[in-house]
C-alpha atoms as a PDB file:
ATOM      1  CA  MET A   1      84.502 119.399 169.316  1.00  0.00           C
ATOM      2  CA  GLY A   2      83.563 115.900 168.157  1.00  0.00           C
ATOM      3  CA  GLU A   3      80.823 117.157 165.754  1.00  0.00           C
ATOM      4  CA  ARG A   4      83.046 119.524 163.707  1.00  0.00           C
ATOM      5  CA  PRO A   5      84.571 116.889 161.401  1.00  0.00           C
ATOM      6  CA  ALA A   6      81.123 115.556 160.443  1.00  0.00           C
ATOM      7  CA  THR A   7      79.855 119.110 159.870  1.00  0.00           C
ATOM      8  CA  ALA A   8      82.951 119.994 157.846  1.00  0.00           C
ATOM      9  CA  ALA A   9      82.502 116.894 155.715  1.00  0.00           C
ATOM     10  CA  LEU A  10      78.962 117.827 154.668  1.00  0.00           C
ATOM     11  CA  PRO A  11      80.010 120.410 152.003  1.00  0.00           C
ATOM     12  CA  ALA A  12      82.452 117.923 150.533  1.00  0.00           C
ATOM     13  CA  LEU A  13      79.762 115.250 150.360  1.00  0.00           C
ATOM     14  CA  GLY A  14      77.459 117.748 148.688  1.00  0.00           C
ATOM     15  CA  VAL A  15      80.073 118.570 146.047  1.00  0.00           C
ATOM     16  CA  ILE A  16      80.608 114.871 145.353  1.00  0.00           C
ATOM     17  CA  ALA A  17      76.887 114.257 145.048  1.00  0.00           C
ATOM     18  CA  GLU A  18      76.491 117.213 142.680  1.00  0.00           C
ATOM     19  CA  PHE A  19      79.414 115.996 140.587  1.00  0.00           C
ATOM     20  CA  ARG A  20      77.922 112.502 140.335  1.00  0.00           C
ATOM     21  CA  GLN A  21      74.584 113.949 139.313  1.00  0.00           C
ATOM     22  CA  ARG A  22      76.173 116.076 136.591  1.00  0.00           C
ATOM     23  CA  LEU A  23      78.314 113.142 135.477  1.00  0.00           C
ATOM     24  CA  TRP A  24      75.359 110.930 134.721  1.00  0.00           C
ATOM     25  CA  GLU A  25      73.069 113.584 133.288  1.00  0.00           C
ATOM     26  CA  GLY A  26      73.193 115.660 130.135  1.00  0.00           C
ATOM     27  CA  ARG A  27      76.275 115.901 127.979  1.00  0.00           C
ATOM     28  CA  GLU A  28      78.596 114.310 130.509  1.00  0.00           C
ATOM     29  CA  ARG A  29      76.592 111.104 130.511  1.00  0.00           C
ATOM     30  CA  ARG A  30      76.339 111.036 126.722  1.00  0.00           C
ATOM     31  CA  ALA A  31      80.075 111.642 126.402  1.00  0.00           C
ATOM     32  CA  ILE A  32      80.919 108.709 128.689  1.00  0.00           C
ATOM     33  CA  VAL A  33      78.485 106.410 126.894  1.00  0.00           C
ATOM     34  CA  ALA A  34      79.883 107.526 123.530  1.00  0.00           C
ATOM     35  CA  LEU A  35      83.434 106.768 124.662  1.00  0.00           C
ATOM     36  CA  LEU A  36      82.407 103.319 125.858  1.00  0.00           C
ATOM     37  CA  VAL A  37      80.647 102.620 122.558  1.00  0.00           C
ATOM     38  CA  ALA A  38      83.695 103.875 120.626  1.00  0.00           C
ATOM     39  CA  ALA A  39      85.924 101.518 122.612  1.00  0.00           C
ATOM     40  CA  ALA A  40      83.539  98.622 121.942  1.00  0.00           C
ATOM     41  CA  THR A  41      83.458  99.499 118.236  1.00  0.00           C
ATOM     42  CA  ALA A  42      87.261  99.567 118.041  1.00  0.00           C
ATOM     43  CA  PHE A  43      87.401  96.199 119.800  1.00  0.00           C
ATOM     44  CA  ALA A  44      84.788  94.645 117.467  1.00  0.00           C
ATOM     45  CA  PHE A  45      86.486  95.932 114.301  1.00  0.00           C
ATOM     46  CA  TRP A  46      90.055  95.528 115.525  1.00  0.00           C
ATOM     47  CA  PRO A  47      90.997  92.696 113.099  1.00  0.00           C
ATOM     48  CA  THR A  48      89.636  94.733 110.185  1.00  0.00           C
ATOM     49  CA  LEU A  49      91.382  97.912 111.331  1.00  0.00           C
ATOM     50  CA  ALA A  50      94.665  96.013 111.716  1.00  0.00           C
ATOM     51  CA  ALA A  51      94.310  94.583 108.195  1.00  0.00           C
ATOM     52  CA  LEU A  52      93.596  98.044 106.796  1.00  0.00           C
ATOM     53  CA  TYR A  53      96.636  99.524 108.511  1.00  0.00           C
ATOM     54  CA  SER A  54      98.821  96.742 107.138  1.00  0.00           C
ATOM     55  CA  LYS A  55      97.483  97.468 103.642  1.00  0.00           C
ATOM     56  CA  TRP A  56      98.187 101.201 103.973  1.00  0.00           C
ATOM     57  CA  VAL A  57     101.743 100.608 105.144  1.00  0.00           C
ATOM     58  CA  ASN A  58     102.743  97.804 102.771  1.00  0.00           C
ATOM     59  CA  ASP A  59     100.807  98.577  99.567  1.00  0.00           C
ATOM     60  CA  PRO A  60     101.889 101.831  97.822  1.00  0.00           C
ATOM     61  CA  GLN A  61      98.573 101.955  95.964  1.00  0.00           C
ATOM     62  CA  TYR A  62      96.722 102.579  99.225  1.00  0.00           C
ATOM     63  CA  SER A  63      99.320 104.506 101.202  1.00  0.00           C
ATOM     64  CA  HIS A  64      96.962 107.496 101.096  1.00  0.00           C
ATOM     65  CA  GLY A  65      94.742 105.585 103.533  1.00  0.00           C
ATOM     66  CA  LEU A  66      96.999 106.785 106.346  1.00  0.00           C
ATOM     67  CA  LEU A  67      95.692 110.319 105.709  1.00  0.00           C
ATOM     68  CA  VAL A  68      92.002 109.512 105.254  1.00  0.00           C
ATOM     69  CA  VAL A  69      91.079 109.076 108.926  1.00  0.00           C
ATOM     70  CA  PRO A  70      92.992 112.194 110.135  1.00  0.00           C
ATOM     71  CA  PHE A  71      91.344 114.218 107.365  1.00  0.00           C
ATOM     72  CA  ALA A  72      87.868 112.978 108.345  1.00  0.00           C
ATOM     73  CA  VAL A  73      88.537 113.878 111.995  1.00  0.00           C
ATOM     74  CA  GLY A  74      89.880 117.283 110.959  1.00  0.00           C
ATOM     75  CA  LEU A  75      86.779 117.855 108.833  1.00  0.00           C
ATOM     76  CA  LEU A  76      84.557 117.258 111.851  1.00  0.00           C
ATOM     77  CA  TRP A  77      86.717 119.523 113.994  1.00  0.00           C
ATOM     78  CA  ALA A  78      86.519 122.317 111.416  1.00  0.00           C
ATOM     79  CA  LYS A  79      82.715 122.020 111.468  1.00  0.00           C
ATOM     80  CA  ARG A  80      82.399 121.786 115.245  1.00  0.00           C
ATOM     81  CA  ASP A  81      80.636 125.156 115.435  1.00  0.00           C
ATOM     82  CA  ARG A  82      77.894 123.785 113.158  1.00  0.00           C
ATOM     83  CA  PHE A  83      77.067 120.845 115.390  1.00  0.00           C
ATOM     84  CA  PRO A  84      73.327 120.957 116.152  1.00  0.00           C
ATOM     85  CA  ALA A  85      72.576 122.728 119.415  1.00  0.00           C
ATOM     86  CA  GLU A  86      69.622 120.453 120.153  1.00  0.00           C
ATOM     87  CA  VAL A  87      70.273 116.716 119.980  1.00  0.00           C
ATOM     88  CA  ARG A  88      67.287 114.495 119.245  1.00  0.00           C
ATOM     89  CA  PRO A  89      68.372 110.829 119.075  1.00  0.00           C
ATOM     90  CA  ALA A  90      66.753 108.592 116.463  1.00  0.00           C
ATOM     91  CA  PRO A  91      67.224 105.148 118.023  1.00  0.00           C
ATOM     92  CA  PHE A  92      64.722 103.283 115.847  1.00  0.00           C
ATOM     93  CA  ILE A  93      66.268 104.232 112.486  1.00  0.00           C
ATOM     94  CA  GLY A  94      69.715 103.907 113.995  1.00  0.00           C
ATOM     95  CA  LEU A  95      69.075 100.372 115.237  1.00  0.00           C
ATOM     96  CA  ILE A  96      67.803  99.323 111.804  1.00  0.00           C
ATOM     97  CA  LEU A  97      70.976 100.633 110.171  1.00  0.00           C
ATOM     98  CA  LEU A  98      73.043  99.036 112.937  1.00  0.00           C
ATOM     99  CA  VAL A  99      71.479  95.621 112.272  1.00  0.00           C
ATOM    100  CA  LEU A 100      72.208  95.997 108.551  1.00  0.00           C
ATOM    101  CA  ALA A 101      75.832  96.927 109.295  1.00  0.00           C
ATOM    102  CA  VAL A 102      76.302  93.934 111.607  1.00  0.00           C
ATOM    103  CA  ALA A 103      74.664  91.649 109.038  1.00  0.00           C
ATOM    104  CA  GLY A 104      77.037  92.926 106.361  1.00  0.00           C
ATOM    105  CA  ARG A 105      80.043  92.332 108.577  1.00  0.00           C
ATOM    106  CA  VAL A 106      78.932  88.797 109.464  1.00  0.00           C
ATOM    107  CA  LEU A 107      78.197  88.011 105.808  1.00  0.00           C
ATOM    108  CA  GLY A 108      81.592  89.334 104.764  1.00  0.00           C
ATOM    109  CA  GLY A 109      83.271  87.065 107.298  1.00  0.00           C
ATOM    110  CA  VAL A 110      81.261  84.028 106.220  1.00  0.00           C
ATOM    111  CA  ILE A 111      81.995  84.405 102.487  1.00  0.00           C
ATOM    112  CA  TYR A 112      85.552  85.699 103.087  1.00  0.00           C
ATOM    113  CA  PHE A 113      84.839  89.056 101.462  1.00  0.00           C
ATOM    114  CA  ALA A 114      87.223  91.424 103.250  1.00  0.00           C
ATOM    115  CA  TRP A 115      85.892  94.520 101.466  1.00  0.00           C
ATOM    116  CA  LEU A 116      82.378  93.994 102.817  1.00  0.00           C
ATOM    117  CA  GLU A 117      83.732  93.475 106.324  1.00  0.00           C
ATOM    118  CA  ALA A 118      85.621  96.767 106.144  1.00  0.00           C
ATOM    119  CA  PHE A 119      82.811  98.675 104.425  1.00  0.00           C
ATOM    120  CA  SER A 120      80.334  97.665 107.153  1.00  0.00           C
ATOM    121  CA  LEU A 121      82.235 100.027 109.467  1.00  0.00           C
ATOM    122  CA  LEU A 122      80.758 103.030 107.637  1.00  0.00           C
ATOM    123  CA  PRO A 123      77.037 102.231 108.154  1.00  0.00           C
ATOM    124  CA  PHE A 124      77.965 101.128 111.677  1.00  0.00           C
ATOM    125  CA  LEU A 125      79.348 104.610 112.447  1.00  0.00           C
ATOM    126  CA  ALA A 126      76.346 106.221 110.747  1.00  0.00           C
ATOM    127  CA  ALA A 127      74.013 104.114 112.891  1.00  0.00           C
ATOM    128  CA  LEU A 128      75.762 105.167 116.098  1.00  0.00           C
ATOM    129  CA  THR A 129      75.505 108.800 115.008  1.00  0.00           C
ATOM    130  CA  LEU A 130      71.763 108.436 114.536  1.00  0.00           C
ATOM    131  CA  ILE A 131      71.282 106.617 117.845  1.00  0.00           C
ATOM    132  CA  PHE A 132      73.149 109.201 119.915  1.00  0.00           C
ATOM    133  CA  GLY A 133      72.799 112.395 117.882  1.00  0.00           C
ATOM    134  CA  GLY A 134      69.775 112.031 115.656  1.00  0.00           C
ATOM    135  CA  PHE A 135      69.358 113.324 112.118  1.00  0.00           C
ATOM    136  CA  GLY A 136      70.989 116.671 112.876  1.00  0.00           C
ATOM    137  CA  ALA A 137      74.232 115.066 113.991  1.00  0.00           C
ATOM    138  CA  PHE A 138      73.935 112.566 111.135  1.00  0.00           C
ATOM    139  CA  ARG A 139      73.834 115.337 108.527  1.00  0.00           C
ATOM    140  CA  TRP A 140      76.753 117.043 110.273  1.00  0.00           C
ATOM    141  CA  ALA A 141      78.928 113.904 110.291  1.00  0.00           C
ATOM    142  CA  LEU A 142      77.854 112.348 106.977  1.00  0.00           C
ATOM    143  CA  PRO A 143      80.570 113.937 104.739  1.00  0.00           C
ATOM    144  CA  ALA A 144      83.339 112.744 107.073  1.00  0.00           C
ATOM    145  CA  ILE A 145      81.855 109.248 107.352  1.00  0.00           C
ATOM    146  CA  ALA A 146      81.393 108.993 103.583  1.00  0.00           C
ATOM    147  CA  PHE A 147      84.989 110.087 102.974  1.00  0.00           C
ATOM    148  CA  LEU A 148      86.183 107.068 104.961  1.00  0.00           C
ATOM    149  CA  VAL A 149      85.305 104.891 101.951  1.00  0.00           C
ATOM    150  CA  PHE A 150      88.651 105.939 100.443  1.00  0.00           C
ATOM    151  CA  MET A 151      90.535 104.160 103.221  1.00  0.00           C
ATOM    152  CA  ILE A 152      89.107 100.790 102.117  1.00  0.00           C
ATOM    153  CA  PRO A 153      91.061  98.957  99.388  1.00  0.00           C
ATOM    154  CA  MET A 154      89.039  97.987  96.348  1.00  0.00           C
ATOM    155  CA  PRO A 155      88.156  94.307  95.885  1.00  0.00           C
ATOM    156  CA  TYR A 156      90.797  92.410  93.948  1.00  0.00           C
ATOM    157  CA  SER A 157      88.367  91.628  91.118  1.00  0.00           C
ATOM    158  CA  VAL A 158      87.645  95.346  90.675  1.00  0.00           C
ATOM    159  CA  GLU A 159      91.367  96.124  90.600  1.00  0.00           C
ATOM    160  CA  ILE A 160      91.843  93.562  87.827  1.00  0.00           C
ATOM    161  CA  GLN A 161      88.877  94.866  85.818  1.00  0.00           C
ATOM    162  CA  LEU A 162      90.126  98.451  86.076  1.00  0.00           C
ATOM    163  CA  GLY A 163      93.827  97.694  85.736  1.00  0.00           C
ATOM    164  CA  ALA A 164      93.632  95.847  82.405  1.00  0.00           C
ATOM    165  CA  PRO A 165      91.914  98.668  80.448  1.00  0.00           C
ATOM    166  CA  LEU A 166      94.208 101.236  82.066  1.00  0.00           C
ATOM    167  CA  GLN A 167      97.232  99.208  80.937  1.00  0.00           C
ATOM    168  CA  THR A 168      95.916  99.181  77.388  1.00  0.00           C
ATOM    169  CA  ILE A 169      95.146 102.901  77.394  1.00  0.00           C
ATOM    170  CA  ALA A 170      98.566 103.760  78.833  1.00  0.00           C
ATOM    171  CA  THR A 171     100.365 101.579  76.274  1.00  0.00           C
ATOM    172  CA  ILE A 172      98.491 102.830  73.204  1.00  0.00           C
ATOM    173  CA  ALA A 173      98.508 106.497  74.222  1.00  0.00           C
ATOM    174  CA  SER A 174     102.193 106.500  75.199  1.00  0.00           C
ATOM    175  CA  THR A 175     103.155 104.788  71.937  1.00  0.00           C
ATOM    176  CA  TYR A 176     101.157 107.360  69.965  1.00  0.00           C
ATOM    177  CA  VAL A 177     102.865 110.254  71.766  1.00  0.00           C
ATOM    178  CA  LEU A 178     106.296 108.754  71.172  1.00  0.00           C
ATOM    179  CA  GLN A 179     105.501 108.260  67.489  1.00  0.00           C
ATOM    180  CA  THR A 180     104.232 111.836  67.290  1.00  0.00           C
ATOM    181  CA  LEU A 181     107.576 112.971  68.680  1.00  0.00           C
ATOM    182  CA  GLY A 182     109.277 111.091  65.862  1.00  0.00           C
ATOM    183  CA  GLN A 183     110.494 108.128  67.903  1.00  0.00           C
ATOM    184  CA  PRO A 184     110.564 104.528  66.631  1.00  0.00           C
ATOM    185  CA  ALA A 185     107.982 103.158  69.088  1.00  0.00           C
ATOM    186  CA  LEU A 186     105.698 100.190  68.509  1.00  0.00           C
ATOM    187  CA  ALA A 187     103.030  98.734  70.811  1.00  0.00           C
ATOM    188  CA  GLU A 188     102.944  94.975  71.198  1.00  0.00           C
ATOM    189  CA  GLY A 189     100.397  93.918  73.795  1.00  0.00           C
ATOM    190  CA  ASN A 190     101.240  95.816  76.975  1.00  0.00           C
ATOM    191  CA  THR A 191     104.840  96.354  75.876  1.00  0.00           C
ATOM    192  CA  ILE A 192     106.321  99.309  74.011  1.00  0.00           C
ATOM    193  CA  LEU A 193     109.199  98.443  71.673  1.00  0.00           C
ATOM    194  CA  ILE A 194     111.675 101.308  71.316  1.00  0.00           C
ATOM    195  CA  LYS A 195     114.585 100.315  69.073  1.00  0.00           C
ATOM    196  CA  ASP A 196     116.332  97.579  71.072  1.00  0.00           C
ATOM    197  CA  PHE A 197     114.481  98.315  74.347  1.00  0.00           C
ATOM    198  CA  LYS A 198     111.259  96.811  75.663  1.00  0.00           C
ATOM    199  CA  LEU A 199     109.247  98.974  78.044  1.00  0.00           C
ATOM    200  CA  GLY A 200     106.716  96.750  79.796  1.00  0.00           C
ATOM    201  CA  ILE A 201     103.555  98.414  81.118  1.00  0.00           C
ATOM    202  CA  VAL A 202     102.785  96.004  83.934  1.00  0.00           C
ATOM    203  CA  GLU A 203      99.854  96.214  86.366  1.00  0.00           C
ATOM    204  CA  ALA A 204     101.800  98.424  88.770  1.00  0.00           C
ATOM    205  CA  CYS A 205     102.390 100.911  85.938  1.00  0.00           C
ATOM    206  CA  SER A 206      98.787 101.015  84.693  1.00  0.00           C
ATOM    207  CA  GLY A 207      98.100 104.291  86.533  1.00  0.00           C
ATOM    208  CA  LEU A 208      95.493 102.819  88.872  1.00  0.00           C
ATOM    209  CA  ARG A 209      97.500 103.848  91.914  1.00  0.00           C
ATOM    210  CA  MET A 210      97.702 107.444  90.710  1.00  0.00           C
ATOM    211  CA  LEU A 211      94.023 107.423  89.764  1.00  0.00           C
ATOM    212  CA  VAL A 212      92.826 106.228  93.182  1.00  0.00           C
ATOM    213  CA  THR A 213      95.106 108.622  95.062  1.00  0.00           C
ATOM    214  CA  PHE A 214      94.220 111.651  92.965  1.00  0.00           C
ATOM    215  CA  ILE A 215      90.479 110.998  93.148  1.00  0.00           C
ATOM    216  CA  THR A 216      90.827 110.787  96.937  1.00  0.00           C
ATOM    217  CA  PHE A 217      92.751 114.039  97.039  1.00  0.00           C
ATOM    218  CA  SER A 218      90.318 115.770  94.639  1.00  0.00           C
ATOM    219  CA  THR A 219      87.370 114.754  96.810  1.00  0.00           C
ATOM    220  CA  ALA A 220      89.127 116.127  99.887  1.00  0.00           C
ATOM    221  CA  VAL A 221      89.735 119.411  98.073  1.00  0.00           C
ATOM    222  CA  CYS A 222      86.054 119.664  97.123  1.00  0.00           C
ATOM    223  CA  MET A 223      85.100 119.232 100.773  1.00  0.00           C
ATOM    224  CA  VAL A 224      87.245 122.074 102.077  1.00  0.00           C
ATOM    225  CA  VAL A 225      87.279 124.720  99.336  1.00  0.00           C
ATOM    226  CA  ARG A 226      84.565 127.331  99.081  1.00  0.00           C
ATOM    227  CA  LYS A 227      83.669 127.215  95.423  1.00  0.00           C
ATOM    228  CA  PRO A 228      80.473 126.846  93.404  1.00  0.00           C
ATOM    229  CA  VAL A 229      79.133 123.361  92.851  1.00  0.00           C
ATOM    230  CA  SER A 230      80.080 123.571  89.171  1.00  0.00           C
ATOM    231  CA  ASP A 231      83.755 124.123  90.071  1.00  0.00           C
ATOM    232  CA  LYS A 232      83.704 121.217  92.503  1.00  0.00           C
ATOM    233  CA  LEU A 233      82.181 118.928  89.883  1.00  0.00           C
ATOM    234  CA  LEU A 234      84.876 120.034  87.470  1.00  0.00           C
ATOM    235  CA  ILE A 235      87.579 119.124  89.999  1.00  0.00           C
ATOM    236  CA  LEU A 236      86.116 115.652  90.421  1.00  0.00           C
ATOM    237  CA  LEU A 237      85.541 115.022  86.716  1.00  0.00           C
ATOM    238  CA  SER A 238      89.042 116.210  85.873  1.00  0.00           C
ATOM    239  CA  ALA A 239      90.682 113.737  88.235  1.00  0.00           C
ATOM    240  CA  ILE A 240      90.459 110.809  85.792  1.00  0.00           C
ATOM    241  CA  PRO A 241      91.916 112.455  82.649  1.00  0.00           C
ATOM    242  CA  ILE A 242      94.590 114.257  84.664  1.00  0.00           C
ATOM    243  CA  ALA A 243      95.698 111.031  86.358  1.00  0.00           C
ATOM    244  CA  LEU A 244      95.853 109.262  82.983  1.00  0.00           C
ATOM    245  CA  MET A 245      97.761 112.151  81.420  1.00  0.00           C
ATOM    246  CA  VAL A 246     100.336 112.165  84.215  1.00  0.00           C
ATOM    247  CA  ASN A 247     100.921 108.423  83.897  1.00  0.00           C
ATOM    248  CA  ILE A 248     101.303 108.687  80.117  1.00  0.00           C
ATOM    249  CA  THR A 249     103.805 111.527  80.591  1.00  0.00           C
ATOM    250  CA  ARG A 250     105.785 109.313  82.942  1.00  0.00           C
ATOM    251  CA  ILE A 251     105.935 106.489  80.393  1.00  0.00           C
ATOM    252  CA  VAL A 252     106.867 108.807  77.518  1.00  0.00           C
ATOM    253  CA  LEU A 253     109.694 110.419  79.502  1.00  0.00           C
ATOM    254  CA  THR A 254     110.975 106.969  80.428  1.00  0.00           C
ATOM    255  CA  GLY A 255     110.998 105.949  76.770  1.00  0.00           C
ATOM    256  CA  LEU A 256     112.913 109.086  75.805  1.00  0.00           C
ATOM    257  CA  MET A 257     115.444 108.401  78.549  1.00  0.00           C
ATOM    258  CA  TYR A 258     115.962 104.883  77.203  1.00  0.00           C
ATOM    259  CA  LEU A 259     116.794 106.432  73.822  1.00  0.00           C
ATOM    260  CA  TYR A 260     118.887 109.435  74.814  1.00  0.00           C
ATOM    261  CA  VAL A 261     120.303 108.705  78.288  1.00  0.00           C
ATOM    262  CA  ASP A 262     120.774 105.074  79.358  1.00  0.00           C
ATOM    263  CA  GLY A 263     118.704 102.110  80.453  1.00  0.00           C
ATOM    264  CA  HIS A 264     119.731 102.193  84.116  1.00  0.00           C
ATOM    265  CA  THR A 265     118.750 105.856  84.573  1.00  0.00           C
ATOM    266  CA  ALA A 266     115.465 105.270  82.768  1.00  0.00           C
ATOM    267  CA  HIS A 267     114.708 102.264  84.982  1.00  0.00           C
ATOM    268  CA  VAL A 268     115.417 104.245  88.168  1.00  0.00           C
ATOM    269  CA  PHE A 269     113.272 107.136  86.943  1.00  0.00           C
ATOM    270  CA  PHE A 270     110.386 104.885  85.911  1.00  0.00           C
ATOM    271  CA  HIS A 271     110.171 102.916  89.150  1.00  0.00           C
ATOM    272  CA  ASP A 272     111.420 105.377  91.763  1.00  0.00           C
ATOM    273  CA  LEU A 273     111.843 109.057  90.915  1.00  0.00           C
ATOM    274  CA  ALA A 274     108.761 109.507  88.736  1.00  0.00           C
ATOM    275  CA  GLY A 275     106.482 108.459  91.581  1.00  0.00           C
ATOM    276  CA  TRP A 276     107.526 111.526  93.578  1.00  0.00           C
ATOM    277  CA  PHE A 277     106.684 113.913  90.730  1.00  0.00           C
ATOM    278  CA  MET A 278     103.339 112.483  89.596  1.00  0.00           C
ATOM    279  CA  MET A 279     101.181 114.057  92.296  1.00  0.00           C
ATOM    280  CA  PRO A 280     102.760 117.566  92.063  1.00  0.00           C
ATOM    281  CA  MET A 281     102.389 117.341  88.283  1.00  0.00           C
ATOM    282  CA  ALA A 282      98.708 116.395  88.617  1.00  0.00           C
ATOM    283  CA  LEU A 283      98.078 119.277  91.023  1.00  0.00           C
ATOM    284  CA  ALA A 284      99.820 121.673  88.648  1.00  0.00           C
ATOM    285  CA  LEU A 285      97.619 120.516  85.756  1.00  0.00           C
ATOM    286  CA  LEU A 286      94.502 120.952  87.883  1.00  0.00           C
ATOM    287  CA  TRP A 287      95.594 124.472  88.833  1.00  0.00           C
ATOM    288  CA  VAL A 288      96.223 125.354  85.171  1.00  0.00           C
ATOM    289  CA  GLU A 289      92.785 124.056  84.210  1.00  0.00           C
ATOM    290  CA  LEU A 290      91.030 126.086  86.912  1.00  0.00           C
ATOM    291  CA  TRP A 291      93.086 129.161  85.956  1.00  0.00           C
ATOM    292  CA  MET A 292      92.044 128.847  82.306  1.00  0.00           C
ATOM    293  CA  LEU A 293      88.375 128.413  83.174  1.00  0.00           C
ATOM    294  CA  ARG A 294      88.505 131.376  85.538  1.00  0.00           C
ATOM    295  CA  HIS A 295      89.775 133.568  82.694  1.00  0.00           C
ATOM    296  CA  LEU A 296      87.516 132.109  80.017  1.00  0.00           C
ATOM    297  CA  PHE A 297      84.284 132.575  81.947  1.00  0.00           C
ATOM    298  CA  THR A 298      83.354 135.552  84.078  1.00  0.00           C
ATOM    299  CA  GLU A 299      80.661 135.632  86.704  1.00  0.00           C
ATOM    300  CA  MET A 300      77.679 137.802  85.889  1.00  0.00           C
ATOM    301  CA  PRO A 301      76.960 140.500  88.471  1.00  0.00           C
ATOM    302  CA  PRO A 302      73.648 140.175  90.274  1.00  0.00           C
ATOM    303  CA  ARG A 303      70.738 141.901  88.570  1.00  0.00           C
ATOM    304  CA  VAL A 304      69.319 144.943  90.262  1.00  0.00           C
ATOM    305  CA  ALA A 305      65.629 145.488  89.902  1.00  0.00           C
ATOM    306  CA  ILE A 306      64.764 148.962  88.562  1.00  0.00           C
ATOM    307  CA  ARG A 307      61.510 150.424  89.672  1.00  0.00           C
END
């Protein structure tokens, strides 16, 4: 009678031992190690991640950053069936890339270059992919990791260098369109004079916000659609002129509203309402362009060899 409990406990001990063996071997062990490394990565980059989130929430120019990470995760999930069946870690190459990523992060902190600190997260993730998954997993995850670059705000100096020419282009082009429509418009610096009104094209109205957002969206479209490479290149190359065209349309409509409606309505449209219509307008222009090209050019049927 006294030996039954010990005998009954043997199967349970065997199950526990088997579970512990499976836990620390194979995929289970790699999964636990990967989770621990992910937690350590989040802890190490937490100040940078918090700064990025604050930028996404408070700066309308980078509000699309809230969608970048979910899209990258969704891209990996959609490709989960193409994950390499055999994992061959590449720790040597991965450690080299990891050292470079850490060096970039430290350098960014020393010289107070926030962009470099944030950008170092990308090679850091690539290095971890190589260390745990090898080149097969690296090729599988590379598009998603590369797309994360759109969540990082551009350096302030780059914003200034891009914003000034965009302001000039928007002012000159909008004035030309208004003059073509027969309106008394005159460009003076980054200001459009329309009768007694002055429409200032400030930095926020340069179109940089629309340009960055639409390029991000166009890249995401190229990653998910099944189209030839030529069509995908066309989508990317069209992002810049379409974004500029949409911003110019916004300015021209605002000028017309100043002339034919009233200043208050034009001001509300320019700063509030137009922002909601710019992206749908850009997508509509992209669809029209692809529709025209699809009807202008036809695909040649495959040649059949005649013997």
